[in-house]
C-alpha atoms as a PDB file:
ATOM      1  CA  MET A   1     183.636 146.444  89.740  1.00  0.00           C
ATOM      2  CA  SER A   2     184.228 145.820  93.424  1.00  0.00           C
ATOM      3  CA  VAL A   3     181.656 144.564  95.920  1.00  0.00           C
ATOM      4  CA  THR A   4     179.657 147.423  97.447  1.00  0.00           C
ATOM      5  CA  THR A   5     178.102 147.302 100.896  1.00  0.00           C
ATOM      6  CA  ASP A   6     174.823 148.971  99.885  1.00  0.00           C
ATOM      7  CA  VAL A   7     174.128 146.312  97.250  1.00  0.00           C
ATOM      8  CA  THR A   8     175.171 143.323  99.352  1.00  0.00           C
ATOM      9  CA  LYS A   9     173.726 144.347 102.723  1.00  0.00           C
ATOM     10  CA  ASP A  10     171.328 141.371 102.752  1.00  0.00           C
ATOM     11  CA  ILE A  11     173.859 138.820 101.426  1.00  0.00           C
ATOM     12  CA  PRO A  12     175.386 136.379 103.969  1.00  0.00           C
ATOM     13  CA  PRO A  13     179.048 137.070 104.916  1.00  0.00           C
ATOM     14  CA  HIS A  14     180.316 133.846 103.308  1.00  0.00           C
ATOM     15  CA  ALA A  15     178.630 134.806 100.057  1.00  0.00           C
ATOM     16  CA  ILE A  16     180.334 138.209 100.129  1.00  0.00           C
ATOM     17  CA  GLU A  17     183.698 136.503 100.631  1.00  0.00           C
ATOM     18  CA  ARG A  18     182.976 134.263  97.648  1.00  0.00           C
ATOM     19  CA  LEU A  19     182.097 137.267  95.487  1.00  0.00           C
ATOM     20  CA  ARG A  20     185.373 138.962  96.407  1.00  0.00           C
ATOM     21  CA  GLY A  21     187.303 136.046  94.943  1.00  0.00           C
ATOM     22  CA  LEU A  22     185.691 136.350  91.526  1.00  0.00           C
ATOM     23  CA  ARG A  23     187.249 137.927  88.453  1.00  0.00           C
ATOM     24  CA  ASN A  24     186.176 141.557  87.943  1.00  0.00           C
ATOM     25  CA  GLU A  25     187.581 144.997  87.152  1.00  0.00           C
ATOM     26  CA  GLY A  26     189.148 145.392  90.558  1.00  0.00           C
ATOM     27  CA  HIS A  27     190.363 141.805  90.742  1.00  0.00           C
ATOM     28  CA  PRO A  28     191.663 140.654  87.336  1.00  0.00           C
ATOM     29  CA  ASP A  29     193.507 137.697  88.868  1.00  0.00           C
ATOM     30  CA  GLY A  30     190.326 136.149  90.280  1.00  0.00           C
ATOM     31  CA  ILE A  31     188.500 133.222  88.767  1.00  0.00           C
ATOM     32  CA  PHE A  32     185.050 132.876  87.289  1.00  0.00           C
ATOM     33  CA  THR A  33     182.546 130.168  88.179  1.00  0.00           C
ATOM     34  CA  SER A  34     179.576 129.064  86.091  1.00  0.00           C
ATOM     35  CA  ASP A  35     177.140 126.252  85.482  1.00  0.00           C
ATOM     36  CA  PHE A  36     177.670 126.588  81.717  1.00  0.00           C
ATOM     37  CA  SER A  37     178.536 123.593  79.612  1.00  0.00           C
ATOM     38  CA  VAL A  38     181.655 124.018  77.461  1.00  0.00           C
ATOM     39  CA  ASN A  39     179.509 124.928  74.441  1.00  0.00           C
ATOM     40  CA  GLU A  40     177.502 127.458  76.444  1.00  0.00           C
ATOM     41  CA  PHE A  41     180.665 129.039  77.828  1.00  0.00           C
ATOM     42  CA  LEU A  42     182.187 129.474  74.367  1.00  0.00           C
ATOM     43  CA  LEU A  43     178.983 130.877  72.838  1.00  0.00           C
ATOM     44  CA  VAL A  44     178.485 133.359  75.682  1.00  0.00           C
ATOM     45  CA  ARG A  45     182.075 134.513  75.106  1.00  0.00           C
ATOM     46  CA  LYS A  46     181.390 134.660  71.358  1.00  0.00           C
ATOM     47  CA  SER A  47     178.370 136.889  71.990  1.00  0.00           C
ATOM     48  CA  GLY A  48     180.618 139.467  73.684  1.00  0.00           C
ATOM     49  CA  PHE A  49     180.011 138.582  77.328  1.00  0.00           C
ATOM     50  CA  GLU A  50     182.316 137.261  80.038  1.00  0.00           C
ATOM     51  CA  PRO A  51     181.070 134.969  82.819  1.00  0.00           C
ATOM     52  CA  ILE A  52     181.858 136.227  86.309  1.00  0.00           C
ATOM     53  CA  GLY A  53     180.365 133.804  88.782  1.00  0.00           C
ATOM     54  CA  LEU A  54     177.439 131.772  89.975  1.00  0.00           C
ATOM     55  CA  CYS A  55     174.620 133.821  91.478  1.00  0.00           C
ATOM     56  CA  VAL A  56     172.436 132.115  94.063  1.00  0.00           C
ATOM     57  CA  GLY A  57     169.261 133.109  95.858  1.00  0.00           C
ATOM     58  CA  SER A  58     167.462 130.974  98.431  1.00  0.00           C
ATOM     59  CA  CYS A  59     164.255 131.300 100.408  1.00  0.00           C
ATOM     60  CA  VAL A  60     162.886 128.815 102.944  1.00  0.00           C
ATOM     61  CA  TYR A  61     159.196 129.584 103.210  1.00  0.00           C
ATOM     62  CA  HIS A  62     156.357 128.386 105.403  1.00  0.00           C
ATOM     63  CA  VAL A  63     153.308 128.051 103.181  1.00  0.00           C
ATOM     64  CA  GLY A  64     150.043 128.793 104.960  1.00  0.00           C
ATOM     65  CA  ILE A  65     146.849 126.758 104.972  1.00  0.00           C
ATOM     66  CA  GLN A  66     143.810 127.388 102.824  1.00  0.00           C
ATOM     67  CA  TYR A  67     140.943 125.051 102.067  1.00  0.00           C
ATOM     68  CA  GLY A  68     138.679 125.060  99.056  1.00  0.00           C
ATOM     69  CA  SER A  69     134.999 124.208  98.954  1.00  0.00           C
ATOM     70  CA  TRP A  70     134.553 120.472  98.316  1.00  0.00           C
ATOM     71  CA  GLY A  71     132.400 120.911  95.213  1.00  0.00           C
ATOM     72  CA  LYS A  72     133.729 124.240  93.884  1.00  0.00           C
ATOM     73  CA  ASN A  73     136.437 125.148  91.387  1.00  0.00           C
ATOM     74  CA  GLN A  74     138.362 128.087  92.859  1.00  0.00           C
ATOM     75  CA  GLU A  75     141.793 129.652  93.105  1.00  0.00           C
ATOM     76  CA  LEU A  76     143.438 129.397  96.517  1.00  0.00           C
ATOM     77  CA  ASP A  77     144.778 132.929  96.513  1.00  0.00           C
ATOM     78  CA  VAL A  78     146.634 132.587  99.839  1.00  0.00           C
ATOM     79  CA  LEU A  79     148.719 129.734  98.432  1.00  0.00           C
ATOM     80  CA  SER A  80     149.157 131.449  95.057  1.00  0.00           C
ATOM     81  CA  GLN A  81     150.553 134.532  96.784  1.00  0.00           C
ATOM     82  CA  ALA A  82     152.865 132.440  98.982  1.00  0.00           C
ATOM     83  CA  MET A  83     154.359 130.557  96.029  1.00  0.00           C
ATOM     84  CA  TYR A  84     154.848 133.758  94.043  1.00  0.00           C
ATOM     85  CA  HIS A  85     156.336 135.742  96.935  1.00  0.00           C
ATOM     86  CA  ALA A  86     158.808 132.999  97.883  1.00  0.00           C
ATOM     87  CA  ARG A  87     160.077 132.695  94.310  1.00  0.00           C
ATOM     88  CA  GLU A  88     160.391 136.476  94.075  1.00  0.00           C
ATOM     89  CA  LEU A  89     162.498 136.561  97.245  1.00  0.00           C
ATOM     90  CA  ALA A  90     164.870 133.921  95.845  1.00  0.00           C
ATOM     91  CA  MET A  91     165.122 135.759  92.514  1.00  0.00           C
ATOM     92  CA  THR A  92     165.763 139.099  94.238  1.00  0.00           C
ATOM     93  CA  ARG A  93     168.595 137.646  96.316  1.00  0.00           C
ATOM     94  CA  MET A  94     170.132 136.070  93.239  1.00  0.00           C
ATOM     95  CA  ARG A  95     169.963 139.450  91.479  1.00  0.00           C
ATOM     96  CA  GLU A  96     171.600 141.123  94.498  1.00  0.00           C
ATOM     97  CA  GLU A  97     174.562 138.768  94.182  1.00  0.00           C
ATOM     98  CA  ALA A  98     174.780 139.584  90.469  1.00  0.00           C
ATOM     99  CA  ALA A  99     174.771 143.313  91.213  1.00  0.00           C
ATOM    100  CA  GLY A 100     177.391 142.784  93.906  1.00  0.00           C
ATOM    101  CA  MET A 101     179.770 141.144  91.424  1.00  0.00           C
ATOM    102  CA  GLY A 102     179.175 143.880  88.835  1.00  0.00           C
ATOM    103  CA  ALA A 103     177.246 141.692  86.396  1.00  0.00           C
ATOM    104  CA  ASP A 104     175.123 143.071  83.569  1.00  0.00           C
ATOM    105  CA  GLY A 105     172.828 140.077  83.794  1.00  0.00           C
ATOM    106  CA  ILE A 106     172.286 136.423  84.645  1.00  0.00           C
ATOM    107  CA  VAL A 107     172.069 133.664  82.043  1.00  0.00           C
ATOM    108  CA  GLY A 108     170.728 130.122  82.409  1.00  0.00           C
ATOM    109  CA  VAL A 109     168.660 130.725  85.544  1.00  0.00           C
ATOM    110  CA  GLU A 110     167.141 127.630  87.128  1.00  0.00           C
ATOM    111  CA  LEU A 111     164.284 128.141  89.566  1.00  0.00           C
ATOM    112  CA  THR A 112     163.482 125.074  91.649  1.00  0.00           C
ATOM    113  CA  VAL A 113     161.229 124.199  94.571  1.00  0.00           C
ATOM    114  CA  LYS A 114     161.821 121.346  96.991  1.00  0.00           C
ATOM    115  CA  ARG A 115     160.008 120.197 100.092  1.00  0.00           C
ATOM    116  CA  LEU A 116     162.090 119.960 103.268  1.00  0.00           C
ATOM    117  CA  GLU A 117     161.601 117.114 105.714  1.00  0.00           C
ATOM    118  CA  TRP A 118     161.361 119.507 108.662  1.00  0.00           C
ATOM    119  CA  SER A 119     157.673 120.110 108.032  1.00  0.00           C
ATOM    120  CA  SER A 120     155.068 119.373 105.385  1.00  0.00           C
ATOM    121  CA  ASP A 121     154.399 123.123 105.121  1.00  0.00           C
ATOM    122  CA  ILE A 122     158.020 124.230 104.525  1.00  0.00           C
ATOM    123  CA  LEU A 123     159.435 124.614 101.013  1.00  0.00           C
ATOM    124  CA  GLU A 124     162.829 125.858  99.817  1.00  0.00           C
ATOM    125  CA  PHE A 125     162.923 128.011  96.698  1.00  0.00           C
ATOM    126  CA  ILE A 126     166.294 128.239  94.934  1.00  0.00           C
ATOM    127  CA  ALA A 127     167.313 130.495  92.038  1.00  0.00           C
ATOM    128  CA  ILE A 128     170.743 129.942  90.476  1.00  0.00           C
ATOM    129  CA  GLY A 129     172.406 131.181  87.285  1.00  0.00           C
ATOM    130  CA  THR A 130     175.662 132.588  85.908  1.00  0.00           C
ATOM    131  CA  GLY A 131     176.375 136.304  86.168  1.00  0.00           C
ATOM    132  CA  VAL A 132     177.843 137.794  82.979  1.00  0.00           C
ATOM    133  CA  VAL A 133     179.263 141.164  82.009  1.00  0.00           C
ATOM    134  CA  HIS A 134     179.715 142.706  78.571  1.00  0.00           C
ATOM    135  CA  ALA A 135     183.384 142.388  77.663  1.00  0.00           C
ATOM    136  CA  LYS A 136     183.559 145.895  76.167  1.00  0.00           C
ATOM    137  CA  GLY A 137     181.633 147.614  78.928  1.00  0.00           C
ATOM    138  CA  HIS A 138     178.434 148.104  76.895  1.00  0.00           C
ATOM    139  CA  THR A 139     175.864 149.637  79.267  1.00  0.00           C
ATOM    140  CA  GLY A 140     172.740 148.915  77.254  1.00  0.00           C
ATOM    141  CA  PHE A 141     172.069 145.371  78.448  1.00  0.00           C
ATOM    142  CA  LYS A 142     170.712 146.038  81.927  1.00  0.00           C
ATOM    143  CA  GLY A 143     167.197 145.003  82.819  1.00  0.00           C
ATOM    144  CA  PRO A 144     164.362 147.218  84.106  1.00  0.00           C
ATOM    145  CA  ASP A 145     165.387 149.936  86.607  1.00  0.00           C
ATOM    146  CA  GLY A 146     169.057 149.411  85.792  1.00  0.00           C
ATOM    147  CA  GLN A 147     169.161 146.028  87.536  1.00  0.00           C
ATOM    148  CA  PRO A 148     170.985 143.028  86.022  1.00  0.00           C
ATOM    149  CA  PHE A 149     168.813 141.250  83.482  1.00  0.00           C
ATOM    150  CA  THR A 150     167.666 137.714  84.279  1.00  0.00           C
ATOM    151  CA  SER A 151     167.135 134.955  81.743  1.00  0.00           C
ATOM    152  CA  ASP A 152     166.475 131.220  81.800  1.00  0.00           C
ATOM    153  CA  LEU A 153     167.821 130.889  78.251  1.00  0.00           C
ATOM    154  CA  SER A 154     170.692 128.501  77.682  1.00  0.00           C
ATOM    155  CA  GLY A 155     174.041 129.858  76.513  1.00  0.00           C
ATOM    156  CA  GLN A 156     173.204 128.724  72.972  1.00  0.00           C
ATOM    157  CA  ASP A 157     169.814 130.458  72.976  1.00  0.00           C
ATOM    158  CA  PHE A 158     171.347 133.580  74.524  1.00  0.00           C
ATOM    159  CA  TRP A 159     173.859 133.792  71.652  1.00  0.00           C
ATOM    160  CA  THR A 160     171.123 133.189  69.044  1.00  0.00           C
ATOM    161  CA  LEU A 161     168.896 135.856  70.587  1.00  0.00           C
ATOM    162  CA  LEU A 162     171.661 138.473  70.458  1.00  0.00           C
ATOM    163  CA  GLN A 163     172.568 137.468  66.905  1.00  0.00           C
ATOM    164  CA  ALA A 164     168.969 138.153  65.912  1.00  0.00           C
ATOM    165  CA  GLY A 165     169.113 141.662  67.383  1.00  0.00           C
ATOM    166  CA  TYR A 166     167.181 141.023  70.599  1.00  0.00           C
ATOM    167  CA  ARG A 167     168.184 141.122  74.242  1.00  0.00           C
ATOM    168  CA  PRO A 168     166.739 139.612  77.426  1.00  0.00           C
ATOM    169  CA  LEU A 169     165.113 141.881  80.002  1.00  0.00           C
ATOM    170  CA  GLU A 170     164.042 139.662  82.866  1.00  0.00           C
ATOM    171  CA  MET A 171     162.434 136.384  83.734  1.00  0.00           C
ATOM    172  CA  VAL A 172     158.697 136.825  84.053  1.00  0.00           C
ATOM    173  CA  MET A 173     156.405 134.438  85.863  1.00  0.00           C
ATOM    174  CA  GLY A 174     152.863 133.754  86.955  1.00  0.00           C
ATOM    175  CA  SER A 175     151.548 131.353  89.589  1.00  0.00           C
ATOM    176  CA  CYS A 176     148.096 129.958  90.301  1.00  0.00           C
ATOM    177  CA  VAL A 177     147.246 127.424  93.009  1.00  0.00           C
ATOM    178  CA  TYR A 178     143.835 125.986  92.268  1.00  0.00           C
ATOM    179  CA  HIS A 179     141.332 123.740  94.001  1.00  0.00           C
ATOM    180  CA  VAL A 180     139.651 121.359  91.556  1.00  0.00           C
ATOM    181  CA  ALA A 181     136.116 120.528  92.619  1.00  0.00           C
ATOM    182  CA  HIS A 182     135.283 116.942  93.533  1.00  0.00           C
ATOM    183  CA  GLN A 183     132.709 115.159  91.472  1.00  0.00           C
ATOM    184  CA  GLY A 184     129.513 114.115  93.215  1.00  0.00           C
ATOM    185  CA  PHE A 185     128.786 110.453  93.977  1.00  0.00           C
ATOM    186  CA  PHE A 186     125.877 110.113  91.568  1.00  0.00           C
ATOM    187  CA  LYS A 187     127.772 111.902  88.774  1.00  0.00           C
ATOM    188  CA  SER A 188     130.730 109.571  89.271  1.00  0.00           C
ATOM    189  CA  LEU A 189     128.429 106.571  89.317  1.00  0.00           C
ATOM    190  CA  GLY A 190     126.882 107.679  86.022  1.00  0.00           C
ATOM    191  CA  ASN A 191     130.301 107.724  84.366  1.00  0.00           C
ATOM    192  CA  VAL A 192     131.120 104.123  85.188  1.00  0.00           C
ATOM    193  CA  GLY A 193     131.897 102.209  81.999  1.00  0.00           C
ATOM    194  CA  ARG A 194     131.436 105.275  79.744  1.00  0.00           C
ATOM    195  CA  ASN A 195     133.758 107.387  77.621  1.00  0.00           C
ATOM    196  CA  THR A 196     132.935 110.917  78.682  1.00  0.00           C
ATOM    197  CA  GLU A 197     134.712 114.206  79.348  1.00  0.00           C
ATOM    198  CA  MET A 198     135.090 115.236  82.971  1.00  0.00           C
ATOM    199  CA  THR A 199     133.967 118.768  82.231  1.00  0.00           C
ATOM    200  CA  ASN A 200     134.440 120.217  85.715  1.00  0.00           C
ATOM    201  CA  PHE A 201     138.040 118.946  85.776  1.00  0.00           C
ATOM    202  CA  SER A 202     138.717 120.220  82.238  1.00  0.00           C
ATOM    203  CA  GLN A 203     137.373 123.673  83.057  1.00  0.00           C
ATOM    204  CA  ALA A 204     139.299 123.916  86.329  1.00  0.00           C
ATOM    205  CA  LEU A 205     142.668 123.047  84.787  1.00  0.00           C
ATOM    206  CA  TYR A 206     141.963 125.291  81.798  1.00  0.00           C
ATOM    207  CA  ASP A 207     141.140 128.246  84.070  1.00  0.00           C
ATOM    208  CA  ALA A 208     144.173 127.702  86.304  1.00  0.00           C
ATOM    209  CA  ARG A 209     146.597 127.610  83.365  1.00  0.00           C
ATOM    210  CA  GLU A 210     145.070 130.754  81.887  1.00  0.00           C
ATOM    211  CA  ILE A 211     145.422 132.642  85.188  1.00  0.00           C
ATOM    212  CA  ALA A 212     149.118 131.705  85.485  1.00  0.00           C
ATOM    213  CA  MET A 213     149.853 132.683  81.884  1.00  0.00           C
ATOM    214  CA  GLU A 214     147.926 135.948  82.162  1.00  0.00           C
ATOM    215  CA  ARG A 215     150.001 136.950  85.194  1.00  0.00           C
ATOM    216  CA  MET A 216     153.234 136.132  83.374  1.00  0.00           C
ATOM    217  CA  GLN A 217     152.062 138.202  80.422  1.00  0.00           C
ATOM    218  CA  HIS A 218     151.256 141.137  82.702  1.00  0.00           C
ATOM    219  CA  GLU A 219     154.809 141.050  84.134  1.00  0.00           C
ATOM    220  CA  ALA A 220     156.223 141.192  80.600  1.00  0.00           C
ATOM    221  CA  ILE A 221     154.081 144.234  79.801  1.00  0.00           C
ATOM    222  CA  GLU A 222     155.266 145.942  82.993  1.00  0.00           C
ATOM    223  CA  ALA A 223     158.891 145.269  81.989  1.00  0.00           C
ATOM    224  CA  GLY A 224     158.374 146.957  78.610  1.00  0.00           C
ATOM    225  CA  ALA A 225     159.023 143.765  76.658  1.00  0.00           C
ATOM    226  CA  GLU A 226     158.049 143.029  73.076  1.00  0.00           C
ATOM    227  CA  GLY A 227     157.348 139.407  73.961  1.00  0.00           C
ATOM    228  CA  VAL A 228     158.287 136.344  75.978  1.00  0.00           C
ATOM    229  CA  VAL A 229     160.412 133.447  74.693  1.00  0.00           C
ATOM    230  CA  GLY A 230     161.083 130.004  76.087  1.00  0.00           C
ATOM    231  CA  VAL A 231     157.856 129.821  78.082  1.00  0.00           C
ATOM    232  CA  ASP A 232     157.560 126.760  80.282  1.00  0.00           C
ATOM    233  CA  LEU A 233     154.387 125.769  82.117  1.00  0.00           C
ATOM    234  CA  HIS A 234     154.999 123.651  85.207  1.00  0.00           C
ATOM    235  CA  GLU A 235     152.430 121.678  87.157  1.00  0.00           C
ATOM    236  CA  GLY A 236     152.883 120.420  90.709  1.00  0.00           C
ATOM    237  CA  SER A 237     150.976 119.531  93.834  1.00  0.00           C
ATOM    238  CA  HIS A 238     153.914 119.944  96.282  1.00  0.00           C
ATOM    239  CA  ALA A 239     152.351 117.212  98.467  1.00  0.00           C
ATOM    240  CA  TRP A 240     149.279 119.311  99.204  1.00  0.00           C
ATOM    241  CA  GLN A 241     145.845 117.830  99.709  1.00  0.00           C
ATOM    242  CA  PRO A 242     144.209 115.973  96.782  1.00  0.00           C
ATOM    243  CA  HIS A 243     142.555 118.170  94.179  1.00  0.00           C
ATOM    244  CA  ILE A 244     144.991 121.077  94.789  1.00  0.00           C
ATOM    245  CA  ILE A 245     147.465 121.850  91.998  1.00  0.00           C
ATOM    246  CA  GLU A 246     149.779 124.714  91.088  1.00  0.00           C
ATOM    247  CA  PHE A 247     150.353 125.969  87.565  1.00  0.00           C
ATOM    248  CA  PHE A 248     153.524 128.027  87.189  1.00  0.00           C
ATOM    249  CA  ALA A 249     154.345 129.857  83.946  1.00  0.00           C
ATOM    250  CA  VAL A 250     157.852 131.246  83.431  1.00  0.00           C
ATOM    251  CA  GLY A 251     159.793 132.627  80.459  1.00  0.00           C
ATOM    252  CA  THR A 252     162.247 135.338  79.409  1.00  0.00           C
ATOM    253  CA  ALA A 253     160.917 138.740  78.376  1.00  0.00           C
ATOM    254  CA  VAL A 254     162.820 140.206  75.413  1.00  0.00           C
ATOM    255  CA  LYS A 255     162.967 143.388  73.343  1.00  0.00           C
ATOM    256  CA  PRO A 256     164.919 144.546  70.274  1.00  0.00           C
ATOM    257  CA  ILE A 257     168.375 145.981  70.888  1.00  0.00           C
ATOM    258  CA  SER A 258     167.647 148.645  68.258  1.00  0.00           C
ATOM    259  CA  THR A 259     164.378 150.531  67.844  1.00  0.00           C
ATOM    260  CA  GLU A 260     164.778 150.007  64.096  1.00  0.00           C
ATOM    261  CA  GLN A 261     164.985 146.220  64.229  1.00  0.00           C
ATOM    262  CA  ASP A 262     164.575 144.705  60.751  1.00  0.00           C
ATOM    263  CA  ALA A 263     163.436 141.085  60.591  1.00  0.00           C
ATOM    264  CA  SER A 264     165.171 140.649  57.225  1.00  0.00           C
ATOM    265  CA  ALA A 265     168.512 141.255  58.957  1.00  0.00           C
ATOM    266  CA  ILE A 266     168.128 138.183  61.166  1.00  0.00           C
ATOM    267  CA  PRO A 267     170.648 135.519  60.019  1.00  0.00           C
ATOM    268  CA  ASP A 268     169.226 132.462  58.300  1.00  0.00           C
ATOM    269  CA  PRO A 269     169.301 129.253  60.349  1.00  0.00           C
ATOM    270  CA  GLN A 270     172.130 126.861  59.598  1.00  0.00           C
ATOM    271  CA  LEU A 271     171.710 123.121  59.137  1.00  0.00           C
ATOM    272  CA  VAL A 272     173.793 121.119  61.604  1.00  0.00           C
ATOM    273  CA  LEU A 273     174.079 117.350  61.271  1.00  0.00           C
ATOM    274  CA  SER A 274     175.137 115.446  64.354  1.00  0.00           C
ATOM    275  CA  VAL A 275     177.838 112.848  63.859  1.00  0.00           C
ATOM    276  CA  ASN A 276     177.134 111.174  67.179  1.00  0.00           C
ATOM    277  CA  THR A 277     176.132 107.537  66.951  1.00  0.00           C
END
């Protein structure tokens, strides 16, 4: 499939030139690029897919300011929305590159955040993965709305998932930036030399994790998934003020390839013994 202007209208010119050099239907002599290891590359090929090229999405975002009450546990919804929106922009741009190269989906997505030295309020969000296409032109592997699927599964897990009769739909995520209340002076003084739970801290972190995971779960429901695999729950302060922390939940939403999926048909696991010393 050749690069189309309507799909790549927001992609930088140098990125479009890079996409034109990749191997696809209209350019069989091109090359593929990927961040797969050798084992991942071979297993993705074994699963019936061909790698096309690296897909990249970037977003440099100025995160606004929001303060929490000194003695109150509360979500900082302005910061939560900023972190979610910036990641979504990076993911969307990565998906646009995948669509531009004719990919059915993206495997091995890594979503990272780094602080830039230009300002303490500026973060760069980067999404990168390998665009793949079904070798026999199977059209049933697209994600929601006919867009390329996205997955943070490794090449090995991608192969195992397909072998079991499931397919990835899209990466789903949930973010919650939370202000953890400070403990009063007299309460802190009373804890000196004692073993005791810091209940306000426990409750705050518990609530924040639950909010992030609930939002990820809601995205999976919206995508029509049966469930989410490979969930990872990240924690980070991103150099914000003390007592402010972000919980970020991310995983791959999946569903059966067939509506008559039979669990008994899933291959038994095989024992592999490493010979490495």
